[in-house]
Amino acid sequence: MAFHPPLSWNPVMALLARLLLIVPSLIAGWFVSPDDVAYWVIAFAIALVFVVLTIAVELYVVPRLRRER
């Protein structure tokens, strides 16, 4: 049986999602077995933490560094 993706399937978005989850999945692999059901949930939570930290750095740290110059 061949795999037929739905019409709305976008390979670029799938590649982007995989690239964004590489580091969080490696970190999740330290704590949870990749065969566990919660593996991708934990990887997604770690990815969200990375996104929040990136936004916090951009909002608070970068303007202070610019102000010191």
N, C-alpha and C. Protein backbone atom coordinates (compact mmCIF):
# COMPACT_ATOMS: atom_id res chain seq x y z
N MET A 1 0.84 -1.17 0.00
CA MET A 1 0.00 0.00 0.00
C MET A 1 0.89 1.24 0.00
N ALA A 2 0.71 2.11 -0.94
CA ALA A 2 1.54 3.31 -1.07
C ALA A 2 0.98 4.44 -0.20
N PHE A 3 1.89 5.30 0.20
CA PHE A 3 1.50 6.46 0.99
C PHE A 3 1.03 7.57 0.06
N HIS A 4 -0.18 8.04 0.28
CA HIS A 4 -0.73 9.14 -0.50
C HIS A 4 -1.05 10.28 0.45
N PRO A 5 -0.21 11.32 0.46
CA PRO A 5 -0.47 12.43 1.38
C PRO A 5 -1.74 13.18 0.98
N PRO A 6 -2.37 13.82 1.94
CA PRO A 6 -3.56 14.61 1.61
C PRO A 6 -3.20 15.77 0.70
N LEU A 7 -4.19 16.34 0.07
CA LEU A 7 -3.95 17.42 -0.88
C LEU A 7 -3.33 18.65 -0.22
N SER A 8 -3.61 18.84 1.06
CA SER A 8 -3.08 20.02 1.74
C SER A 8 -1.68 19.80 2.30
N TRP A 9 -1.09 18.65 2.07
CA TRP A 9 0.23 18.33 2.60
C TRP A 9 1.29 19.15 1.89
N ASN A 10 2.14 19.81 2.65
CA ASN A 10 3.17 20.67 2.09
C ASN A 10 4.53 20.15 2.53
N PRO A 11 5.36 19.66 1.61
CA PRO A 11 6.66 19.11 2.01
C PRO A 11 7.60 20.15 2.61
N VAL A 12 7.47 21.40 2.22
CA VAL A 12 8.33 22.45 2.78
C VAL A 12 8.01 22.66 4.26
N MET A 13 6.74 22.67 4.59
CA MET A 13 6.35 22.84 5.99
C MET A 13 6.77 21.64 6.82
N ALA A 14 6.68 20.44 6.25
CA ALA A 14 7.13 19.24 6.96
C ALA A 14 8.63 19.30 7.21
N LEU A 15 9.39 19.75 6.23
CA LEU A 15 10.84 19.88 6.40
C LEU A 15 11.16 20.95 7.45
N LEU A 16 10.46 22.06 7.41
CA LEU A 16 10.67 23.12 8.39
C LEU A 16 10.36 22.63 9.81
N ALA A 17 9.27 21.90 9.96
CA ALA A 17 8.92 21.37 11.28
C ALA A 17 9.97 20.40 11.78
N ARG A 18 10.49 19.56 10.90
CA ARG A 18 11.53 18.62 11.31
C ARG A 18 12.81 19.35 11.70
N LEU A 19 13.17 20.38 10.95
CA LEU A 19 14.38 21.14 11.27
C LEU A 19 14.25 21.85 12.61
N LEU A 20 13.05 22.38 12.89
CA LEU A 20 12.84 23.08 14.15
C LEU A 20 12.82 22.13 15.35
N LEU A 21 12.49 20.86 15.11
CA LEU A 21 12.39 19.90 16.21
C LEU A 21 13.63 19.02 16.37
N ILE A 22 14.70 19.28 15.62
CA ILE A 22 15.89 18.44 15.74
C ILE A 22 16.51 18.56 17.13
N VAL A 23 16.82 19.78 17.55
CA VAL A 23 17.46 19.98 18.86
C VAL A 23 16.53 19.58 20.00
N PRO A 24 15.26 20.01 20.00
CA PRO A 24 14.38 19.57 21.09
C PRO A 24 14.20 18.05 21.15
N SER A 25 14.21 17.39 20.00
CA SER A 25 14.06 15.93 20.04
C SER A 25 15.31 15.27 20.59
N LEU A 26 16.48 15.85 20.33
CA LEU A 26 17.71 15.31 20.93
C LEU A 26 17.68 15.48 22.45
N ILE A 27 17.22 16.64 22.91
CA ILE A 27 17.14 16.88 24.35
C ILE A 27 16.08 15.97 24.97
N ALA A 28 14.95 15.80 24.32
CA ALA A 28 13.92 14.91 24.84
C ALA A 28 14.41 13.47 24.89
N GLY A 29 15.30 13.10 23.97
CA GLY A 29 15.85 11.75 23.96
C GLY A 29 16.71 11.45 25.19
N TRP A 30 17.23 12.49 25.85
CA TRP A 30 17.99 12.27 27.09
C TRP A 30 17.08 11.84 28.23
N PHE A 31 15.82 12.27 28.20
CA PHE A 31 14.92 12.05 29.33
C PHE A 31 13.85 11.00 29.07
N VAL A 32 13.46 10.81 27.81
CA VAL A 32 12.35 9.92 27.48
C VAL A 32 12.78 9.01 26.34
N SER A 33 12.35 7.78 26.39
CA SER A 33 12.65 6.86 25.30
C SER A 33 11.92 7.30 24.03
N PRO A 34 12.58 7.26 22.87
CA PRO A 34 11.91 7.66 21.62
C PRO A 34 10.70 6.79 21.28
N ASP A 35 10.61 5.61 21.88
CA ASP A 35 9.45 4.74 21.64
C ASP A 35 8.26 5.13 22.50
N ASP A 36 8.47 5.99 23.48
CA ASP A 36 7.39 6.40 24.37
C ASP A 36 6.41 7.31 23.62
N VAL A 37 5.16 7.23 24.01
CA VAL A 37 4.12 8.04 23.36
C VAL A 37 4.34 9.53 23.62
N ALA A 38 4.85 9.87 24.77
CA ALA A 38 5.02 11.27 25.15
C ALA A 38 6.28 11.91 24.58
N TYR A 39 7.05 11.18 23.79
CA TYR A 39 8.33 11.70 23.29
C TYR A 39 8.14 12.99 22.51
N TRP A 40 7.25 13.00 21.53
CA TRP A 40 7.08 14.20 20.69
C TRP A 40 6.36 15.31 21.44
N VAL A 41 5.56 14.96 22.43
CA VAL A 41 4.93 15.99 23.26
C VAL A 41 6.00 16.74 24.06
N ILE A 42 6.93 15.99 24.62
CA ILE A 42 8.01 16.62 25.38
C ILE A 42 8.93 17.41 24.45
N ALA A 43 9.22 16.86 23.27
CA ALA A 43 10.05 17.59 22.30
C ALA A 43 9.38 18.90 21.89
N PHE A 44 8.07 18.88 21.71
CA PHE A 44 7.34 20.09 21.36
C PHE A 44 7.37 21.10 22.51
N ALA A 45 7.25 20.61 23.74
CA ALA A 45 7.31 21.51 24.89
C ALA A 45 8.69 22.16 25.00
N ILE A 46 9.74 21.40 24.74
CA ILE A 46 11.09 21.96 24.76
C ILE A 46 11.25 22.98 23.64
N ALA A 47 10.67 22.70 22.48
CA ALA A 47 10.72 23.66 21.37
C ALA A 47 10.01 24.96 21.74
N LEU A 48 8.88 24.85 22.43
CA LEU A 48 8.17 26.06 22.86
C LEU A 48 9.01 26.86 23.86
N VAL A 49 9.72 26.18 24.73
CA VAL A 49 10.61 26.88 25.67
C VAL A 49 11.69 27.63 24.90
N PHE A 50 12.27 26.98 23.87
CA PHE A 50 13.27 27.65 23.05
C PHE A 50 12.70 28.88 22.36
N VAL A 51 11.49 28.79 21.87
CA VAL A 51 10.85 29.93 21.20
C VAL A 51 10.63 31.06 22.19
N VAL A 52 10.14 30.75 23.37
CA VAL A 52 9.89 31.77 24.39
C VAL A 52 11.20 32.42 24.83
N LEU A 53 12.25 31.63 25.01
CA LEU A 53 13.54 32.20 25.39
C LEU A 53 14.11 33.10 24.29
N THR A 54 13.92 32.70 23.04
CA THR A 54 14.38 33.52 21.92
C THR A 54 13.65 34.85 21.89
N ILE A 55 12.34 34.82 22.09
CA ILE A 55 11.55 36.05 22.11
C ILE A 55 11.97 36.93 23.29
N ALA A 56 12.21 36.32 24.45
CA ALA A 56 12.63 37.10 25.61
C ALA A 56 13.97 37.77 25.38
N VAL A 57 14.90 37.06 24.76
CA VAL A 57 16.20 37.66 24.46
C VAL A 57 16.04 38.82 23.49
N GLU A 58 15.23 38.63 22.47
CA GLU A 58 15.03 39.69 21.49
C GLU A 58 14.33 40.90 22.10
N LEU A 59 13.44 40.68 23.05
CA LEU A 59 12.70 41.80 23.65
C LEU A 59 13.50 42.55 24.71
N TYR A 60 14.29 41.83 25.51
CA TYR A 60 14.91 42.46 26.67
C TYR A 60 16.42 42.62 26.56
N VAL A 61 17.11 41.65 26.03
CA VAL A 61 18.57 41.69 26.02
C VAL A 61 19.10 42.55 24.88
N VAL A 62 18.59 42.35 23.69
CA VAL A 62 19.09 43.08 22.52
C VAL A 62 18.91 44.59 22.67
N PRO A 63 17.77 45.11 23.12
CA PRO A 63 17.67 46.57 23.29
C PRO A 63 18.65 47.11 24.34
N ARG A 64 18.92 46.36 25.40
CA ARG A 64 19.88 46.82 26.40
C ARG A 64 21.29 46.84 25.84
N LEU A 65 21.62 45.88 25.00
CA LEU A 65 22.94 45.88 24.37
C LEU A 65 23.09 47.05 23.41
N ARG A 66 22.03 47.38 22.71
CA ARG A 66 22.08 48.53 21.79
C ARG A 66 22.19 49.84 22.56
N ARG A 67 21.55 49.93 23.71
CA ARG A 67 21.56 51.15 24.51
C ARG A 67 22.94 51.41 25.10
N GLU A 68 23.70 50.36 25.39
CA GLU A 68 25.02 50.52 25.99
C GLU A 68 26.05 51.05 25.01
N ARG A 69 25.82 50.96 23.75
CA ARG A 69 26.80 51.42 22.74
C ARG A 69 26.86 52.89 22.66
